[in-house]
C-alpha atoms as a PDB file:
ATOM      1  CA  MET A   1     109.863 150.502  38.386  1.00  0.00           C
ATOM      2  CA  SER A   2     112.283 148.959  40.777  1.00  0.00           C
ATOM      3  CA  ALA A   3     115.084 150.943  42.211  1.00  0.00           C
ATOM      4  CA  TYR A   4     117.377 147.934  41.880  1.00  0.00           C
ATOM      5  CA  ILE A   5     116.823 147.227  38.171  1.00  0.00           C
ATOM      6  CA  ASP A   6     120.094 147.661  36.221  1.00  0.00           C
ATOM      7  CA  GLU A   7     120.841 150.303  33.621  1.00  0.00           C
ATOM      8  CA  CYS A   8     119.451 147.975  30.892  1.00  0.00           C
ATOM      9  CA  ASP A   9     115.921 148.871  31.893  1.00  0.00           C
ATOM     10  CA  GLN A  10     116.760 152.536  31.242  1.00  0.00           C
ATOM     11  CA  CYS A  11     118.041 152.227  27.692  1.00  0.00           C
ATOM     12  CA  ASP A  12     116.942 150.492  24.457  1.00  0.00           C
ATOM     13  CA  GLU A  13     120.336 150.451  22.866  1.00  0.00           C
ATOM     14  CA  CYS A  14     122.356 148.004  24.981  1.00  0.00           C
ATOM     15  CA  GLU A  15     122.871 144.389  23.958  1.00  0.00           C
ATOM     16  CA  CYS A  16     121.165 142.945  26.948  1.00  0.00           C
ATOM     17  CA  GLY A  17     117.745 144.561  26.348  1.00  0.00           C
ATOM     18  CA  GLY A  18     114.653 142.962  25.068  1.00  0.00           C
ATOM     19  CA  LYS A  19     112.837 139.695  25.675  1.00  0.00           C
ATOM     20  CA  ARG A  20     113.457 136.221  24.375  1.00  0.00           C
ATOM     21  CA  PRO A  21     110.778 134.518  22.245  1.00  0.00           C
ATOM     22  CA  ASP A  22     109.622 132.651  25.393  1.00  0.00           C
ATOM     23  CA  GLY A  23     108.941 135.937  27.098  1.00  0.00           C
ATOM     24  CA  LEU A  24     111.865 135.775  29.569  1.00  0.00           C
ATOM     25  CA  PRO A  25     114.186 138.714  29.792  1.00  0.00           C
ATOM     26  CA  GLN A  26     117.592 138.172  28.246  1.00  0.00           C
ATOM     27  CA  TYR A  27     119.729 136.059  30.505  1.00  0.00           C
ATOM     28  CA  LYS A  28     122.576 138.518  30.663  1.00  0.00           C
ATOM     29  CA  ARG A  29     120.105 141.234  31.655  1.00  0.00           C
ATOM     30  CA  LEU A  30     118.554 139.116  34.383  1.00  0.00           C
ATOM     31  CA  LYS A  31     121.957 138.171  35.802  1.00  0.00           C
ATOM     32  CA  LYS A  32     122.891 141.859  35.928  1.00  0.00           C
ATOM     33  CA  ARG A  33     119.745 142.655  37.831  1.00  0.00           C
ATOM     34  CA  MET A  34     120.355 139.745  40.285  1.00  0.00           C
ATOM     35  CA  ALA A  35     123.912 140.798  40.878  1.00  0.00           C
ATOM     36  CA  THR A  36     122.730 144.367  41.705  1.00  0.00           C
ATOM     37  CA  SER A  37     119.927 143.311  44.108  1.00  0.00           C
ATOM     38  CA  PHE A  38     122.117 140.602  45.717  1.00  0.00           C
ATOM     39  CA  LYS A  39     124.974 143.055  46.327  1.00  0.00           C
ATOM     40  CA  VAL A  40     122.581 145.400  48.089  1.00  0.00           C
ATOM     41  CA  ILE A  41     121.261 142.634  50.271  1.00  0.00           C
ATOM     42  CA  PHE A  42     124.707 141.012  50.966  1.00  0.00           C
ATOM     43  CA  LYS A  43     126.290 144.379  51.805  1.00  0.00           C
ATOM     44  CA  ALA A  44     123.365 145.340  54.182  1.00  0.00           C
ATOM     45  CA  LEU A  45     123.452 142.086  56.067  1.00  0.00           C
ATOM     46  CA  HIS A  46     127.195 142.261  56.554  1.00  0.00           C
ATOM     47  CA  LEU A  47     126.881 145.836  57.916  1.00  0.00           C
ATOM     48  CA  ASN A  48     124.312 144.426  60.363  1.00  0.00           C
ATOM     49  CA  SER A  49     121.488 146.396  58.555  1.00  0.00           C
ATOM     50  CA  VAL A  50     118.174 145.075  57.323  1.00  0.00           C
ATOM     51  CA  PRO A  51     118.137 144.979  53.449  1.00  0.00           C
ATOM     52  CA  PRO A  52     115.533 147.080  51.665  1.00  0.00           C
ATOM     53  CA  ASP A  53     112.291 145.300  50.895  1.00  0.00           C
ATOM     54  CA  GLU A  54     112.441 146.229  47.282  1.00  0.00           C
ATOM     55  CA  ALA A  55     115.976 144.628  46.772  1.00  0.00           C
ATOM     56  CA  VAL A  56     114.745 141.411  48.490  1.00  0.00           C
ATOM     57  CA  ALA A  57     111.525 141.226  46.395  1.00  0.00           C
ATOM     58  CA  ASP A  58     113.464 141.876  43.254  1.00  0.00           C
ATOM     59  CA  PHE A  59     116.068 139.209  44.014  1.00  0.00           C
ATOM     60  CA  ILE A  60     113.426 136.621  44.916  1.00  0.00           C
ATOM     61  CA  ALA A  61     111.495 137.329  41.705  1.00  0.00           C
ATOM     62  CA  ASP A  62     114.536 137.178  39.618  1.00  0.00           C
ATOM     63  CA  SER A  63     115.707 134.008  41.346  1.00  0.00           C
ATOM     64  CA  ARG A  64     112.437 132.323  40.328  1.00  0.00           C
ATOM     65  CA  LEU A  65     112.934 133.435  36.769  1.00  0.00           C
ATOM     66  CA  MET A  66     116.576 132.428  36.596  1.00  0.00           C
ATOM     67  CA  THR A  67     115.765 128.698  37.074  1.00  0.00           C
ATOM     68  CA  LYS A  68     113.627 128.732  33.948  1.00  0.00           C
ATOM     69  CA  TYR A  69     116.468 129.036  31.666  1.00  0.00           C
ATOM     70  CA  PRO A  70     117.733 125.646  30.256  1.00  0.00           C
ATOM     71  CA  GLY A  71     121.406 124.925  30.141  1.00  0.00           C
ATOM     72  CA  LYS A  72     122.472 127.535  32.702  1.00  0.00           C
ATOM     73  CA  GLY A  73     122.899 125.182  35.759  1.00  0.00           C
ATOM     74  CA  ASP A  74     119.805 122.935  35.558  1.00  0.00           C
ATOM     75  CA  PRO A  75     121.144 120.255  37.950  1.00  0.00           C
ATOM     76  CA  LEU A  76     121.308 122.878  40.737  1.00  0.00           C
ATOM     77  CA  TYR A  77     117.871 124.495  40.025  1.00  0.00           C
ATOM     78  CA  ALA A  78     115.841 122.255  42.413  1.00  0.00           C
ATOM     79  CA  GLU A  79     118.241 123.100  45.304  1.00  0.00           C
ATOM     80  CA  TYR A  80     118.340 126.749  44.409  1.00  0.00           C
ATOM     81  CA  ASN A  81     114.535 126.905  44.272  1.00  0.00           C
ATOM     82  CA  LYS A  82     114.381 125.390  47.777  1.00  0.00           C
ATOM     83  CA  LEU A  83     116.856 128.049  49.020  1.00  0.00           C
ATOM     84  CA  THR A  84     114.717 130.791  47.419  1.00  0.00           C
ATOM     85  CA  ASP A  85     111.664 129.426  49.229  1.00  0.00           C
ATOM     86  CA  ILE A  86     113.588 129.421  52.480  1.00  0.00           C
ATOM     87  CA  LEU A  87     114.842 132.917  51.862  1.00  0.00           C
ATOM     88  CA  GLU A  88     111.296 134.170  51.072  1.00  0.00           C
ATOM     89  CA  GLU A  89     109.908 132.523  54.219  1.00  0.00           C
ATOM     90  CA  ALA A  90     112.669 133.814  56.416  1.00  0.00           C
ATOM     91  CA  TRP A  91     111.960 137.403  55.052  1.00  0.00           C
ATOM     92  CA  GLN A  92     108.252 137.256  55.499  1.00  0.00           C
ATOM     93  CA  THR A  93     108.568 135.959  59.052  1.00  0.00           C
ATOM     94  CA  LYS A  94     111.289 138.515  59.875  1.00  0.00           C
ATOM     95  CA  ASN A  95     113.776 135.807  60.801  1.00  0.00           C
ATOM     96  CA  LEU A  96     116.895 137.764  59.882  1.00  0.00           C
ATOM     97  CA  GLN A  97     119.295 135.145  61.234  1.00  0.00           C
ATOM     98  CA  LYS A  98     117.835 132.478  58.907  1.00  0.00           C
ATOM     99  CA  PHE A  99     117.635 135.031  56.063  1.00  0.00           C
ATOM    100  CA  HIS A 100     121.328 135.928  56.578  1.00  0.00           C
ATOM    101  CA  GLU A 101     122.276 132.229  56.748  1.00  0.00           C
ATOM    102  CA  THR A 102     120.382 131.527  53.518  1.00  0.00           C
ATOM    103  CA  VAL A 103     121.902 134.501  51.666  1.00  0.00           C
ATOM    104  CA  ASP A 104     125.395 133.185  52.689  1.00  0.00           C
ATOM    105  CA  THR A 105     124.468 129.678  51.429  1.00  0.00           C
ATOM    106  CA  MET A 106     123.161 131.154  48.160  1.00  0.00           C
ATOM    107  CA  ASN A 107     126.407 133.107  47.728  1.00  0.00           C
ATOM    108  CA  HIS A 108     128.371 129.812  48.196  1.00  0.00           C
ATOM    109  CA  MET A 109     126.138 128.042  45.635  1.00  0.00           C
ATOM    110  CA  LYS A 110     126.464 130.917  43.137  1.00  0.00           C
ATOM    111  CA  THR A 111     130.232 130.618  43.299  1.00  0.00           C
ATOM    112  CA  GLN A 112     129.988 126.872  42.646  1.00  0.00           C
ATOM    113  CA  CYS A 113     127.535 127.331  39.852  1.00  0.00           C
ATOM    114  CA  HIS A 114     129.514 129.965  38.102  1.00  0.00           C
ATOM    115  CA  HIS A 115     132.673 127.856  38.165  1.00  0.00           C
ATOM    116  CA  GLN A 116     130.767 125.066  36.499  1.00  0.00           C
ATOM    117  CA  TYR A 117     128.505 126.910  34.084  1.00  0.00           C
ATOM    118  CA  LYS A 118     130.015 130.268  33.286  1.00  0.00           C
END
């Protein structure tokens, strides 16, 4: 189990638990997980530290899941998926400057998306 999965993975009673009929986790649960891992990554980068591998892997995996939910920002999914690819490549090639730039771009995009779709 990931160290960056939210408390929903730890309990069966909360409203965000379970899976949808399509097999995806509940959207609210996914967003909580993403917020947790992104916060770890963002904070580390802005403290001039390398984020933990596990937080990055979790965020990338959840980012790929997030764009499978209809009606949650579909017009931005193609651009977000490209950013996720860039982020993953920067991480794999240890290009921390590109990784940091991409995290900042994703943060800006997240703000835009949440204003439109939240």
